[in-house]
PDB file of all heavy atoms in Angstrom:
ATOM      1  N   THR A   1       0.886  -1.215  -0.005  1.00  0.00           N
ATOM      2  CA  THR A   1      -0.036  -0.021   0.031  1.00  0.00           C
ATOM      3  C   THR A   1       0.935   1.215   0.007  1.00  0.00           C
ATOM      4  O   THR A   1       2.123   1.163  -0.142  1.00  0.00           O
ATOM      5  CB  THR A   1      -0.893   0.017   1.247  1.00  0.00           C
ATOM      6  OG1 THR A   1      -0.125   0.252   2.411  1.00  0.00           O
ATOM      7  CG2 THR A   1      -1.620  -1.312   1.420  1.00  0.00           C
ATOM      8  N   SER A   2       0.285   2.393   0.282  1.00  0.00           N
ATOM      9  CA  SER A   2       0.987   3.708   0.348  1.00  0.00           C
ATOM     10  C   SER A   2       1.917   3.692   1.532  1.00  0.00           C
ATOM     11  O   SER A   2       2.856   4.459   1.600  1.00  0.00           O
ATOM     12  CB  SER A   2       0.083   4.860   0.419  1.00  0.00           C
ATOM     13  OG  SER A   2      -0.804   4.757   1.451  1.00  0.00           O
ATOM     14  N   GLN A   3       1.659   2.777   2.529  1.00  0.00           N
ATOM     15  CA  GLN A   3       2.652   2.548   3.583  1.00  0.00           C
ATOM     16  C   GLN A   3       3.419   1.271   3.288  1.00  0.00           C
ATOM     17  O   GLN A   3       2.846   0.177   3.222  1.00  0.00           O
ATOM     18  CB  GLN A   3       1.878   2.404   4.962  1.00  0.00           C
ATOM     19  CG  GLN A   3       1.179   3.679   5.292  1.00  0.00           C
ATOM     20  CD  GLN A   3       2.181   4.591   6.153  1.00  0.00           C
ATOM     21  OE1 GLN A   3       3.360   4.455   5.915  1.00  0.00           O
ATOM     22  NE2 GLN A   3       1.682   5.531   6.825  1.00  0.00           N
ATOM     23  N   GLY A   4       4.650   1.420   3.096  1.00  0.00           N
ATOM     24  CA  GLY A   4       5.565   0.263   2.639  1.00  0.00           C
ATOM     25  C   GLY A   4       5.457  -0.946   3.454  1.00  0.00           C
ATOM     26  O   GLY A   4       5.648  -2.074   2.869  1.00  0.00           O
ATOM     27  N   HIS A   5       5.095  -0.914   4.654  1.00  0.00           N
ATOM     28  CA  HIS A   5       5.054  -2.102   5.538  1.00  0.00           C
ATOM     29  C   HIS A   5       3.694  -2.637   5.620  1.00  0.00           C
ATOM     30  O   HIS A   5       3.445  -3.651   6.431  1.00  0.00           O
ATOM     31  CB  HIS A   5       5.636  -1.792   6.897  1.00  0.00           C
ATOM     32  CG  HIS A   5       4.912  -0.783   7.719  1.00  0.00           C
ATOM     33  ND1 HIS A   5       4.934   0.570   7.400  1.00  0.00           N
ATOM     34  CD2 HIS A   5       3.987  -0.940   8.702  1.00  0.00           C
ATOM     35  CE1 HIS A   5       4.049   1.160   8.266  1.00  0.00           C
ATOM     36  NE2 HIS A   5       3.500   0.322   9.006  1.00  0.00           N
ATOM     37  N   ILE A   6       2.664  -1.988   5.028  1.00  0.00           N
ATOM     38  CA  ILE A   6       1.335  -2.505   5.048  1.00  0.00           C
ATOM     39  C   ILE A   6       0.970  -2.936   3.600  1.00  0.00           C
ATOM     40  O   ILE A   6       1.143  -2.260   2.610  1.00  0.00           O
ATOM     41  CB  ILE A   6       0.310  -1.423   5.482  1.00  0.00           C
ATOM     42  CG1 ILE A   6       0.715  -0.911   6.881  1.00  0.00           C
ATOM     43  CG2 ILE A   6      -1.161  -1.891   5.517  1.00  0.00           C
ATOM     44  CD1 ILE A   6      -0.156   0.233   7.387  1.00  0.00           C
ATOM     45  N   TYR A   7       0.365  -4.118   3.570  1.00  0.00           N
ATOM     46  CA  TYR A   7       0.036  -4.725   2.289  1.00  0.00           C
ATOM     47  C   TYR A   7      -1.441  -5.067   2.306  1.00  0.00           C
ATOM     48  O   TYR A   7      -2.159  -5.109   3.256  1.00  0.00           O
ATOM     49  CB  TYR A   7       0.842  -6.077   2.071  1.00  0.00           C
ATOM     50  CG  TYR A   7       2.384  -5.909   2.036  1.00  0.00           C
ATOM     51  CD1 TYR A   7       3.053  -5.589   3.221  1.00  0.00           C
ATOM     52  CD2 TYR A   7       3.102  -5.949   0.853  1.00  0.00           C
ATOM     53  CE1 TYR A   7       4.390  -5.417   3.233  1.00  0.00           C
ATOM     54  CE2 TYR A   7       4.419  -5.840   0.869  1.00  0.00           C
ATOM     55  CZ  TYR A   7       5.111  -5.466   2.030  1.00  0.00           C
ATOM     56  OH  TYR A   7       6.514  -5.397   1.997  1.00  0.00           O
ATOM     57  N   ALA A   8      -1.978  -5.469   1.065  1.00  0.00           N
ATOM     58  CA  ALA A   8      -3.322  -5.792   0.902  1.00  0.00           C
ATOM     59  C   ALA A   8      -3.470  -6.740  -0.254  1.00  0.00           C
ATOM     60  O   ALA A   8      -2.861  -6.634  -1.272  1.00  0.00           O
ATOM     61  CB  ALA A   8      -4.261  -4.604   0.663  1.00  0.00           C
ATOM     62  N   VAL A   9      -4.295  -7.814   0.003  1.00  0.00           N
ATOM     63  CA  VAL A   9      -4.483  -8.858  -1.045  1.00  0.00           C
ATOM     64  C   VAL A   9      -5.985  -9.187  -1.126  1.00  0.00           C
ATOM     65  O   VAL A   9      -6.763  -8.837  -0.189  1.00  0.00           O
ATOM     66  CB  VAL A   9      -3.730 -10.102  -0.747  1.00  0.00           C
ATOM     67  CG1 VAL A   9      -2.240  -9.891  -0.754  1.00  0.00           C
ATOM     68  CG2 VAL A   9      -4.220 -10.794   0.511  1.00  0.00           C
ATOM     69  N   GLY A  10      -6.320  -9.764  -2.226  1.00  0.00           N
ATOM     70  CA  GLY A  10      -7.776 -10.232  -2.328  1.00  0.00           C
ATOM     71  C   GLY A  10      -8.803  -9.058  -2.856  1.00  0.00           C
ATOM     72  O   GLY A  10      -8.381  -8.208  -3.360  1.00  0.00           O
ATOM     73  N   ASP A  11      -9.958  -9.330  -2.441  1.00  0.00           N
ATOM     74  CA  ASP A  11     -11.139  -8.430  -2.975  1.00  0.00           C
ATOM     75  C   ASP A  11     -11.011  -7.037  -2.422  1.00  0.00           C
ATOM     76  O   ASP A  11     -11.767  -6.246  -3.023  1.00  0.00           O
ATOM     77  CB  ASP A  11     -12.422  -9.015  -2.690  1.00  0.00           C
ATOM     78  CG  ASP A  11     -12.710 -10.458  -3.382  1.00  0.00           C
ATOM     79  OD1 ASP A  11     -11.793 -10.839  -4.184  1.00  0.00           O
ATOM     80  OD2 ASP A  11     -13.781 -10.984  -3.292  1.00  0.00           O
ATOM     81  N   CYS A  12     -10.344  -6.781  -1.436  1.00  0.00           N
ATOM     82  CA  CYS A  12     -10.205  -5.349  -0.989  1.00  0.00           C
ATOM     83  C   CYS A  12      -9.188  -4.583  -1.728  1.00  0.00           C
ATOM     84  O   CYS A  12      -9.199  -3.349  -1.522  1.00  0.00           O
ATOM     85  CB  CYS A  12     -10.017  -5.340   0.554  1.00  0.00           C
ATOM     86  SG  CYS A  12      -8.271  -5.987   1.078  1.00  0.00           S
ATOM     87  N   ALA A  13      -8.377  -5.140  -2.515  1.00  0.00           N
ATOM     88  CA  ALA A  13      -7.316  -4.439  -3.245  1.00  0.00           C
ATOM     89  C   ALA A  13      -7.784  -4.205  -4.685  1.00  0.00           C
ATOM     90  O   ALA A  13      -8.657  -4.891  -5.175  1.00  0.00           O
ATOM     91  CB  ALA A  13      -6.040  -5.368  -3.216  1.00  0.00           C
ATOM     92  N   ASN A  14      -7.032  -3.347  -5.367  1.00  0.00           N
ATOM     93  CA  ASN A  14      -7.411  -3.037  -6.649  1.00  0.00           C
ATOM     94  C   ASN A  14      -6.891  -3.834  -7.787  1.00  0.00           C
ATOM     95  O   ASN A  14      -6.247  -3.318  -8.727  1.00  0.00           O
ATOM     96  CB  ASN A  14      -7.060  -1.453  -6.888  1.00  0.00           C
ATOM     97  CG  ASN A  14      -5.570  -1.255  -6.795  1.00  0.00           C
ATOM     98  OD1 ASN A  14      -4.867  -2.026  -6.191  1.00  0.00           O
ATOM     99  ND2 ASN A  14      -5.018  -0.183  -7.442  1.00  0.00           N
ATOM    100  N   LYS A  15      -7.118  -5.186  -7.611  1.00  0.00           N
ATOM    101  CA  LYS A  15      -6.538  -6.099  -8.567  1.00  0.00           C
ATOM    102  C   LYS A  15      -7.683  -6.949  -9.126  1.00  0.00           C
ATOM    103  O   LYS A  15      -8.759  -6.443  -9.415  1.00  0.00           O
ATOM    104  CB  LYS A  15      -5.375  -6.952  -7.941  1.00  0.00           C
ATOM    105  CG  LYS A  15      -4.131  -6.165  -7.562  1.00  0.00           C
ATOM    106  CD  LYS A  15      -3.416  -5.622  -8.731  1.00  0.00           C
ATOM    107  CE  LYS A  15      -2.155  -4.919  -8.236  1.00  0.00           C
ATOM    108  NZ  LYS A  15      -1.272  -4.337  -9.389  1.00  0.00           N
ATOM    109  N   LEU A  16      -7.490  -8.218  -9.309  1.00  0.00           N
ATOM    110  CA  LEU A  16      -8.406  -9.190  -9.787  1.00  0.00           C
ATOM    111  C   LEU A  16      -9.083  -9.913  -8.727  1.00  0.00           C
ATOM    112  O   LEU A  16      -8.408 -10.650  -7.922  1.00  0.00           O
ATOM    113  CB  LEU A  16      -7.771 -10.174 -10.806  1.00  0.00           C
ATOM    114  CG  LEU A  16      -8.598 -11.101 -11.608  1.00  0.00           C
ATOM    115  CD1 LEU A  16      -9.580 -10.353 -12.514  1.00  0.00           C
ATOM    116  CD2 LEU A  16      -7.707 -11.924 -12.516  1.00  0.00           C
ATOM    117  N   ASN A  17     -10.427  -9.809  -8.647  1.00  0.00           N
ATOM    118  CA  ASN A  17     -11.169 -10.362  -7.506  1.00  0.00           C
ATOM    119  C   ASN A  17     -11.613 -11.859  -7.821  1.00  0.00           C
ATOM    120  O   ASN A  17     -12.780 -12.118  -8.139  1.00  0.00           O
ATOM    121  CB  ASN A  17     -12.376  -9.537  -7.099  1.00  0.00           C
ATOM    122  CG  ASN A  17     -11.995  -8.153  -6.624  1.00  0.00           C
ATOM    123  OD1 ASN A  17     -10.818  -7.951  -6.343  1.00  0.00           O
ATOM    124  ND2 ASN A  17     -12.891  -7.303  -6.658  1.00  0.00           N
ATOM    125  N   LEU A  18     -10.696 -12.779  -7.485  1.00  0.00           N
ATOM    126  CA  LEU A  18     -10.980 -14.237  -7.662  1.00  0.00           C
ATOM    127  C   LEU A  18     -10.279 -14.974  -6.471  1.00  0.00           C
ATOM    128  O   LEU A  18      -9.120 -14.586  -6.122  1.00  0.00           O
ATOM    129  CB  LEU A  18     -10.482 -14.791  -8.968  1.00  0.00           C
ATOM    130  CG  LEU A  18     -11.152 -14.359 -10.197  1.00  0.00           C
ATOM    131  CD1 LEU A  18     -10.465 -14.730 -11.522  1.00  0.00           C
ATOM    132  CD2 LEU A  18     -12.625 -14.843 -10.317  1.00  0.00           C
ATOM    133  N   THR A  19     -10.841 -15.991  -5.956  1.00  0.00           N
ATOM    134  CA  THR A  19     -10.324 -16.715  -4.795  1.00  0.00           C
ATOM    135  C   THR A  19      -8.948 -17.167  -5.007  1.00  0.00           C
ATOM    136  O   THR A  19      -7.954 -16.997  -4.276  1.00  0.00           O
ATOM    137  CB  THR A  19     -11.208 -17.767  -4.291  1.00  0.00           C
ATOM    138  OG1 THR A  19     -12.413 -17.209  -3.847  1.00  0.00           O
ATOM    139  CG2 THR A  19     -10.607 -18.614  -3.283  1.00  0.00           C
ATOM    140  N   PRO A  20      -8.576 -17.964  -6.069  1.00  0.00           N
ATOM    141  CA  PRO A  20      -7.272 -18.388  -6.416  1.00  0.00           C
ATOM    142  C   PRO A  20      -6.319 -17.277  -6.474  1.00  0.00           C
ATOM    143  O   PRO A  20      -5.067 -17.456  -6.212  1.00  0.00           O
ATOM    144  CB  PRO A  20      -7.388 -19.251  -7.655  1.00  0.00           C
ATOM    145  CG  PRO A  20      -8.896 -19.511  -7.760  1.00  0.00           C
ATOM    146  CD  PRO A  20      -9.595 -18.402  -7.234  1.00  0.00           C
ATOM    147  N   VAL A  21      -6.713 -16.100  -7.020  1.00  0.00           N
ATOM    148  CA  VAL A  21      -5.797 -15.003  -7.119  1.00  0.00           C
ATOM    149  C   VAL A  21      -5.466 -14.437  -5.816  1.00  0.00           C
ATOM    150  O   VAL A  21      -4.270 -14.203  -5.562  1.00  0.00           O
ATOM    151  CB  VAL A  21      -6.481 -13.848  -7.948  1.00  0.00           C
ATOM    152  CG1 VAL A  21      -5.683 -12.555  -7.873  1.00  0.00           C
ATOM    153  CG2 VAL A  21      -6.658 -14.301  -9.458  1.00  0.00           C
ATOM    154  N   ALA A  22      -6.405 -14.430  -4.843  1.00  0.00           N
ATOM    155  CA  ALA A  22      -6.120 -13.924  -3.533  1.00  0.00           C
ATOM    156  C   ALA A  22      -5.119 -14.962  -2.817  1.00  0.00           C
ATOM    157  O   ALA A  22      -4.201 -14.374  -2.129  1.00  0.00           O
ATOM    158  CB  ALA A  22      -7.420 -13.803  -2.691  1.00  0.00           C
ATOM    159  N   ILE A  23      -5.275 -16.185  -2.980  1.00  0.00           N
ATOM    160  CA  ILE A  23      -4.414 -17.174  -2.453  1.00  0.00           C
ATOM    161  C   ILE A  23      -2.952 -16.917  -2.986  1.00  0.00           C
ATOM    162  O   ILE A  23      -1.947 -16.874  -2.234  1.00  0.00           O
ATOM    163  CB  ILE A  23      -4.917 -18.579  -2.734  1.00  0.00           C
ATOM    164  CG1 ILE A  23      -6.214 -18.855  -1.952  1.00  0.00           C
ATOM    165  CG2 ILE A  23      -3.815 -19.559  -2.312  1.00  0.00           C
ATOM    166  CD1 ILE A  23      -6.882 -20.094  -2.278  1.00  0.00           C
ATOM    167  N   ASN A  24      -2.943 -16.791  -4.263  1.00  0.00           N
ATOM    168  CA  ASN A  24      -1.606 -16.570  -4.933  1.00  0.00           C
ATOM    169  C   ASN A  24      -1.009 -15.328  -4.457  1.00  0.00           C
ATOM    170  O   ASN A  24       0.272 -15.185  -4.268  1.00  0.00           O
ATOM    171  CB  ASN A  24      -1.707 -16.616  -6.430  1.00  0.00           C
ATOM    172  CG  ASN A  24      -0.309 -17.119  -7.128  1.00  0.00           C
ATOM    173  OD1 ASN A  24       0.628 -17.380  -6.457  1.00  0.00           O
ATOM    174  ND2 ASN A  24      -0.366 -17.041  -8.397  1.00  0.00           N
ATOM    175  N   GLU A  25      -1.712 -14.268  -4.364  1.00  0.00           N
ATOM    176  CA  GLU A  25      -1.206 -12.922  -3.911  1.00  0.00           C
ATOM    177  C   GLU A  25      -0.726 -13.090  -2.530  1.00  0.00           C
ATOM    178  O   GLU A  25       0.372 -12.575  -2.171  1.00  0.00           O
ATOM    179  CB  GLU A  25      -2.331 -11.908  -3.943  1.00  0.00           C
ATOM    180  CG  GLU A  25      -2.686 -11.410  -5.284  1.00  0.00           C
ATOM    181  CD  GLU A  25      -3.961 -10.527  -5.299  1.00  0.00           C
ATOM    182  OE1 GLU A  25      -4.704 -10.573  -4.297  1.00  0.00           O
ATOM    183  OE2 GLU A  25      -4.214  -9.768  -6.244  1.00  0.00           O
ATOM    184  N   GLY A  26      -1.406 -13.774  -1.592  1.00  0.00           N
ATOM    185  CA  GLY A  26      -0.962 -13.958  -0.232  1.00  0.00           C
ATOM    186  C   GLY A  26       0.294 -14.741  -0.122  1.00  0.00           C
ATOM    187  O   GLY A  26       1.196 -14.423   0.585  1.00  0.00           O
ATOM    188  N   ARG A  27       0.447 -15.767  -0.950  1.00  0.00           N
ATOM    189  CA  ARG A  27       1.723 -16.640  -0.839  1.00  0.00           C
ATOM    190  C   ARG A  27       2.785 -15.819  -1.455  1.00  0.00           C
ATOM    191  O   ARG A  27       3.944 -15.969  -1.008  1.00  0.00           O
ATOM    192  CB  ARG A  27       1.395 -17.882  -1.580  1.00  0.00           C
ATOM    193  CG  ARG A  27       0.503 -18.862  -0.878  1.00  0.00           C
ATOM    194  CD  ARG A  27       0.186 -20.050  -1.600  1.00  0.00           C
ATOM    195  NE  ARG A  27      -0.608 -20.952  -0.917  1.00  0.00           N
ATOM    196  CZ  ARG A  27      -1.295 -21.962  -1.381  1.00  0.00           C
ATOM    197  NH1 ARG A  27      -1.378 -22.201  -2.656  1.00  0.00           N
ATOM    198  NH2 ARG A  27      -2.091 -22.727  -0.564  1.00  0.00           N
ATOM    199  N   ALA A  28       2.577 -15.100  -2.609  1.00  0.00           N
ATOM    200  CA  ALA A  28       3.702 -14.236  -3.175  1.00  0.00           C
ATOM    201  C   ALA A  28       4.191 -13.321  -2.225  1.00  0.00           C
ATOM    202  O   ALA A  28       5.392 -13.074  -2.113  1.00  0.00           O
ATOM    203  CB  ALA A  28       3.105 -13.604  -4.488  1.00  0.00           C
ATOM    204  N   PHE A  29       3.250 -12.654  -1.496  1.00  0.00           N
ATOM    205  CA  PHE A  29       3.626 -11.630  -0.529  1.00  0.00           C
ATOM    206  C   PHE A  29       4.579 -12.296   0.529  1.00  0.00           C
ATOM    207  O   PHE A  29       5.565 -11.735   0.930  1.00  0.00           O
ATOM    208  CB  PHE A  29       2.387 -11.050   0.171  1.00  0.00           C
ATOM    209  CG  PHE A  29       2.587 -10.621   1.562  1.00  0.00           C
ATOM    210  CD1 PHE A  29       3.253  -9.417   1.804  1.00  0.00           C
ATOM    211  CD2 PHE A  29       2.068 -11.375   2.632  1.00  0.00           C
ATOM    212  CE1 PHE A  29       3.401  -8.975   3.258  1.00  0.00           C
ATOM    213  CE2 PHE A  29       2.270 -11.045   3.867  1.00  0.00           C
ATOM    214  CZ  PHE A  29       2.995  -9.816   4.249  1.00  0.00           C
ATOM    215  N   ALA A  30       4.136 -13.423   1.067  1.00  0.00           N
ATOM    216  CA  ALA A  30       4.930 -14.050   2.058  1.00  0.00           C
ATOM    217  C   ALA A  30       6.296 -14.562   1.610  1.00  0.00           C
ATOM    218  O   ALA A  30       7.278 -14.438   2.246  1.00  0.00           O
ATOM    219  CB  ALA A  30       4.103 -15.279   2.625  1.00  0.00           C
ATOM    220  N   ASP A  31       6.238 -15.007   0.347  1.00  0.00           N
ATOM    221  CA  ASP A  31       7.548 -15.559  -0.246  1.00  0.00           C
ATOM    222  C   ASP A  31       8.573 -14.306  -0.397  1.00  0.00           C
ATOM    223  O   ASP A  31       9.715 -14.532  -0.088  1.00  0.00           O
ATOM    224  CB  ASP A  31       7.239 -16.126  -1.699  1.00  0.00           C
ATOM    225  CG  ASP A  31       6.549 -17.460  -1.634  1.00  0.00           C
ATOM    226  OD1 ASP A  31       6.581 -18.075  -0.497  1.00  0.00           O
ATOM    227  OD2 ASP A  31       6.013 -17.833  -2.668  1.00  0.00           O
ATOM    228  N   THR A  32       7.975 -13.259  -0.841  1.00  0.00           N
ATOM    229  CA  THR A  32       8.883 -12.055  -1.015  1.00  0.00           C
ATOM    230  C   THR A  32       9.308 -11.442   0.256  1.00  0.00           C
ATOM    231  O   THR A  32      10.511 -11.179   0.403  1.00  0.00           O
ATOM    232  CB  THR A  32       8.086 -10.936  -1.861  1.00  0.00           C
ATOM    233  OG1 THR A  32       7.639 -11.542  -3.136  1.00  0.00           O
ATOM    234  CG2 THR A  32       8.979  -9.778  -2.124  1.00  0.00           C
ATOM    235  N   VAL A  33       8.363 -11.204   1.185  1.00  0.00           N
ATOM    236  CA  VAL A  33       8.732 -10.476   2.416  1.00  0.00           C
ATOM    237  C   VAL A  33       9.417 -11.368   3.448  1.00  0.00           C
ATOM    238  O   VAL A  33      10.296 -10.818   4.165  1.00  0.00           O
ATOM    239  CB  VAL A  33       7.406  -9.719   3.005  1.00  0.00           C
ATOM    240  CG1 VAL A  33       7.764  -9.048   4.242  1.00  0.00           C
ATOM    241  CG2 VAL A  33       6.817  -8.823   1.976  1.00  0.00           C
ATOM    242  N   PHE A  34       9.100 -12.605   3.549  1.00  0.00           N
ATOM    243  CA  PHE A  34       9.585 -13.413   4.617  1.00  0.00           C
ATOM    244  C   PHE A  34      10.423 -14.633   4.056  1.00  0.00           C
ATOM    245  O   PHE A  34      11.147 -15.197   4.807  1.00  0.00           O
ATOM    246  CB  PHE A  34       8.423 -14.014   5.487  1.00  0.00           C
ATOM    247  CG  PHE A  34       7.687 -12.959   6.231  1.00  0.00           C
ATOM    248  CD1 PHE A  34       6.456 -12.477   5.814  1.00  0.00           C
ATOM    249  CD2 PHE A  34       8.153 -12.400   7.364  1.00  0.00           C
ATOM    250  CE1 PHE A  34       5.776 -11.504   6.430  1.00  0.00           C
ATOM    251  CE2 PHE A  34       7.506 -11.393   8.088  1.00  0.00           C
ATOM    252  CZ  PHE A  34       6.310 -10.933   7.621  1.00  0.00           C
ATOM    253  N   GLY A  35      10.293 -14.899   2.796  1.00  0.00           N
ATOM    254  CA  GLY A  35      11.043 -16.053   2.212  1.00  0.00           C
ATOM    255  C   GLY A  35      12.263 -15.612   1.368  1.00  0.00           C
ATOM    256  O   GLY A  35      12.895 -16.582   0.891  1.00  0.00           O
ATOM    257  N   GLY A  36      12.401 -14.373   1.192  1.00  0.00           N
ATOM    258  CA  GLY A  36      13.669 -13.936   0.491  1.00  0.00           C
ATOM    259  C   GLY A  36      13.486 -14.144  -0.933  1.00  0.00           C
ATOM    260  O   GLY A  36      14.570 -14.094  -1.714  1.00  0.00           O
ATOM    261  N   LYS A  37      12.353 -14.485  -1.486  1.00  0.00           N
ATOM    262  CA  LYS A  37      12.117 -14.629  -2.983  1.00  0.00           C
ATOM    263  C   LYS A  37      11.358 -13.386  -3.531  1.00  0.00           C
ATOM    264  O   LYS A  37      10.421 -12.911  -2.945  1.00  0.00           O
ATOM    265  CB  LYS A  37      11.250 -15.912  -3.190  1.00  0.00           C
ATOM    266  CG  LYS A  37      11.786 -17.128  -2.501  1.00  0.00           C
ATOM    267  CD  LYS A  37      10.837 -18.259  -2.598  1.00  0.00           C
ATOM    268  CE  LYS A  37      11.293 -19.529  -1.804  1.00  0.00           C
ATOM    269  NZ  LYS A  37      10.318 -20.620  -1.849  1.00  0.00           N
ATOM    270  N   ASP A  38      11.850 -13.011  -4.631  1.00  0.00           N
ATOM    271  CA  ASP A  38      11.209 -11.778  -5.349  1.00  0.00           C
ATOM    272  C   ASP A  38      10.167 -12.400  -6.284  1.00  0.00           C
ATOM    273  O   ASP A  38      10.297 -12.812  -7.378  1.00  0.00           O
ATOM    274  CB  ASP A  38      12.211 -11.026  -6.186  1.00  0.00           C
ATOM    275  CG  ASP A  38      11.582  -9.739  -6.655  1.00  0.00           C
ATOM    276  OD1 ASP A  38      10.376  -9.548  -6.823  1.00  0.00           O
ATOM    277  OD2 ASP A  38      12.399  -8.831  -6.901  1.00  0.00           O
ATOM    278  N   ARG A  39       8.789 -12.396  -5.738  1.00  0.00           N
ATOM    279  CA  ARG A  39       7.734 -13.033  -6.529  1.00  0.00           C
ATOM    280  C   ARG A  39       6.552 -12.167  -6.538  1.00  0.00           C
ATOM    281  O   ARG A  39       6.232 -11.625  -5.484  1.00  0.00           O
ATOM    282  CB  ARG A  39       7.401 -14.449  -5.922  1.00  0.00           C
ATOM    283  CG  ARG A  39       6.504 -15.262  -6.780  1.00  0.00           C
ATOM    284  CD  ARG A  39       6.461 -16.679  -6.391  1.00  0.00           C
ATOM    285  NE  ARG A  39       5.609 -16.962  -5.264  1.00  0.00           N
ATOM    286  CZ  ARG A  39       4.198 -17.150  -5.471  1.00  0.00           C
ATOM    287  NH1 ARG A  39       3.691 -17.010  -6.735  1.00  0.00           N
ATOM    288  NH2 ARG A  39       3.497 -17.376  -4.506  1.00  0.00           N
ATOM    289  N   VAL A  40       5.885 -12.017  -7.630  1.00  0.00           N
ATOM    290  CA  VAL A  40       4.644 -11.222  -7.758  1.00  0.00           C
ATOM    291  C   VAL A  40       3.688 -12.078  -8.489  1.00  0.00           C
ATOM    292  O   VAL A  40       3.921 -12.990  -9.138  1.00  0.00           O
ATOM    293  CB  VAL A  40       4.824  -9.898  -8.634  1.00  0.00           C
ATOM    294  CG1 VAL A  40       5.788  -9.054  -7.863  1.00  0.00           C
ATOM    295  CG2 VAL A  40       5.382 -10.202 -10.010  1.00  0.00           C
ATOM    296  N   MET A  41       2.319 -11.693  -8.247  1.00  0.00           N
ATOM    297  CA  MET A  41       1.316 -12.403  -8.922  1.00  0.00           C
ATOM    298  C   MET A  41       1.218 -11.917 -10.423  1.00  0.00           C
ATOM    299  O   MET A  41       1.226 -10.643 -10.614  1.00  0.00           O
ATOM    300  CB  MET A  41      -0.047 -11.962  -8.186  1.00  0.00           C
ATOM    301  CG  MET A  41      -1.294 -12.372  -8.910  1.00  0.00           C
ATOM    302  SD  MET A  41      -1.555 -14.173  -9.052  1.00  0.00           S
ATOM    303  CE  MET A  41      -2.804 -14.241 -10.318  1.00  0.00           C
ATOM    304  N   ILE A  42       1.093 -12.750 -11.312  1.00  0.00           N
ATOM    305  CA  ILE A  42       0.928 -12.434 -12.749  1.00  0.00           C
ATOM    306  C   ILE A  42      -0.546 -12.531 -13.078  1.00  0.00           C
ATOM    307  O   ILE A  42      -1.154 -13.588 -12.947  1.00  0.00           O
ATOM    308  CB  ILE A  42       1.762 -13.369 -13.717  1.00  0.00           C
ATOM    309  CG1 ILE A  42       3.201 -13.408 -13.193  1.00  0.00           C
ATOM    310  CG2 ILE A  42       1.640 -13.009 -15.068  1.00  0.00           C
ATOM    311  CD1 ILE A  42       3.889 -12.038 -13.376  1.00  0.00           C
ATOM    312  N   TYR A  43      -1.173 -11.465 -13.534  1.00  0.00           N
ATOM    313  CA  TYR A  43      -2.618 -11.387 -13.732  1.00  0.00           C
ATOM    314  C   TYR A  43      -2.977 -11.790 -15.148  1.00  0.00           C
ATOM    315  O   TYR A  43      -4.191 -11.810 -15.484  1.00  0.00           O
ATOM    316  CB  TYR A  43      -3.148 -10.012 -13.442  1.00  0.00           C
ATOM    317  CG  TYR A  43      -2.942  -9.717 -11.940  1.00  0.00           C
ATOM    318  CD1 TYR A  43      -1.713  -9.062 -11.482  1.00  0.00           C
ATOM    319  CD2 TYR A  43      -3.853 -10.227 -10.970  1.00  0.00           C
ATOM    320  CE1 TYR A  43      -1.586  -8.809 -10.114  1.00  0.00           C
ATOM    321  CE2 TYR A  43      -3.684  -9.975  -9.604  1.00  0.00           C
ATOM    322  CZ  TYR A  43      -2.503  -9.274  -9.256  1.00  0.00           C
ATOM    323  OH  TYR A  43      -2.424  -9.056  -7.775  1.00  0.00           O
ATOM    324  N   GLU A  44      -2.054 -12.030 -16.047  1.00  0.00           N
ATOM    325  CA  GLU A  44      -2.348 -12.488 -17.379  1.00  0.00           C
ATOM    326  C   GLU A  44      -2.707 -13.958 -17.449  1.00  0.00           C
ATOM    327  O   GLU A  44      -2.106 -14.778 -16.715  1.00  0.00           O
ATOM    328  CB  GLU A  44      -1.186 -12.284 -18.319  1.00  0.00           C
ATOM    329  CG  GLU A  44      -0.878 -10.724 -18.603  1.00  0.00           C
ATOM    330  CD  GLU A  44       0.243 -10.582 -19.489  1.00  0.00           C
ATOM    331  OE1 GLU A  44       0.935 -11.562 -19.884  1.00  0.00           O
ATOM    332  OE2 GLU A  44       0.557  -9.396 -19.897  1.00  0.00           O
ATOM    333  N   ASN A  45      -3.640 -14.367 -18.298  1.00  0.00           N
ATOM    334  CA  ASN A  45      -4.001 -15.794 -18.529  1.00  0.00           C
ATOM    335  C   ASN A  45      -4.510 -16.520 -17.272  1.00  0.00           C
ATOM    336  O   ASN A  45      -4.150 -17.644 -16.940  1.00  0.00           O
ATOM    337  CB  ASN A  45      -2.904 -16.487 -19.098  1.00  0.00           C
ATOM    338  CG  ASN A  45      -2.529 -15.982 -20.485  1.00  0.00           C
ATOM    339  OD1 ASN A  45      -3.379 -15.598 -21.289  1.00  0.00           O
ATOM    340  ND2 ASN A  45      -1.200 -15.975 -20.787  1.00  0.00           N
TER     341      ASN A  45
END
């Protein structure tokens, strides 16, 4: 979000509102912030 340490996923964020998308967003966030992996959700296809 506009606050770098606060994040948002799922239907409350301005992305794609689908359950599997929210799950992938959540895991990508955790992988990046806590797992040391640079991963983002890809919204194509």
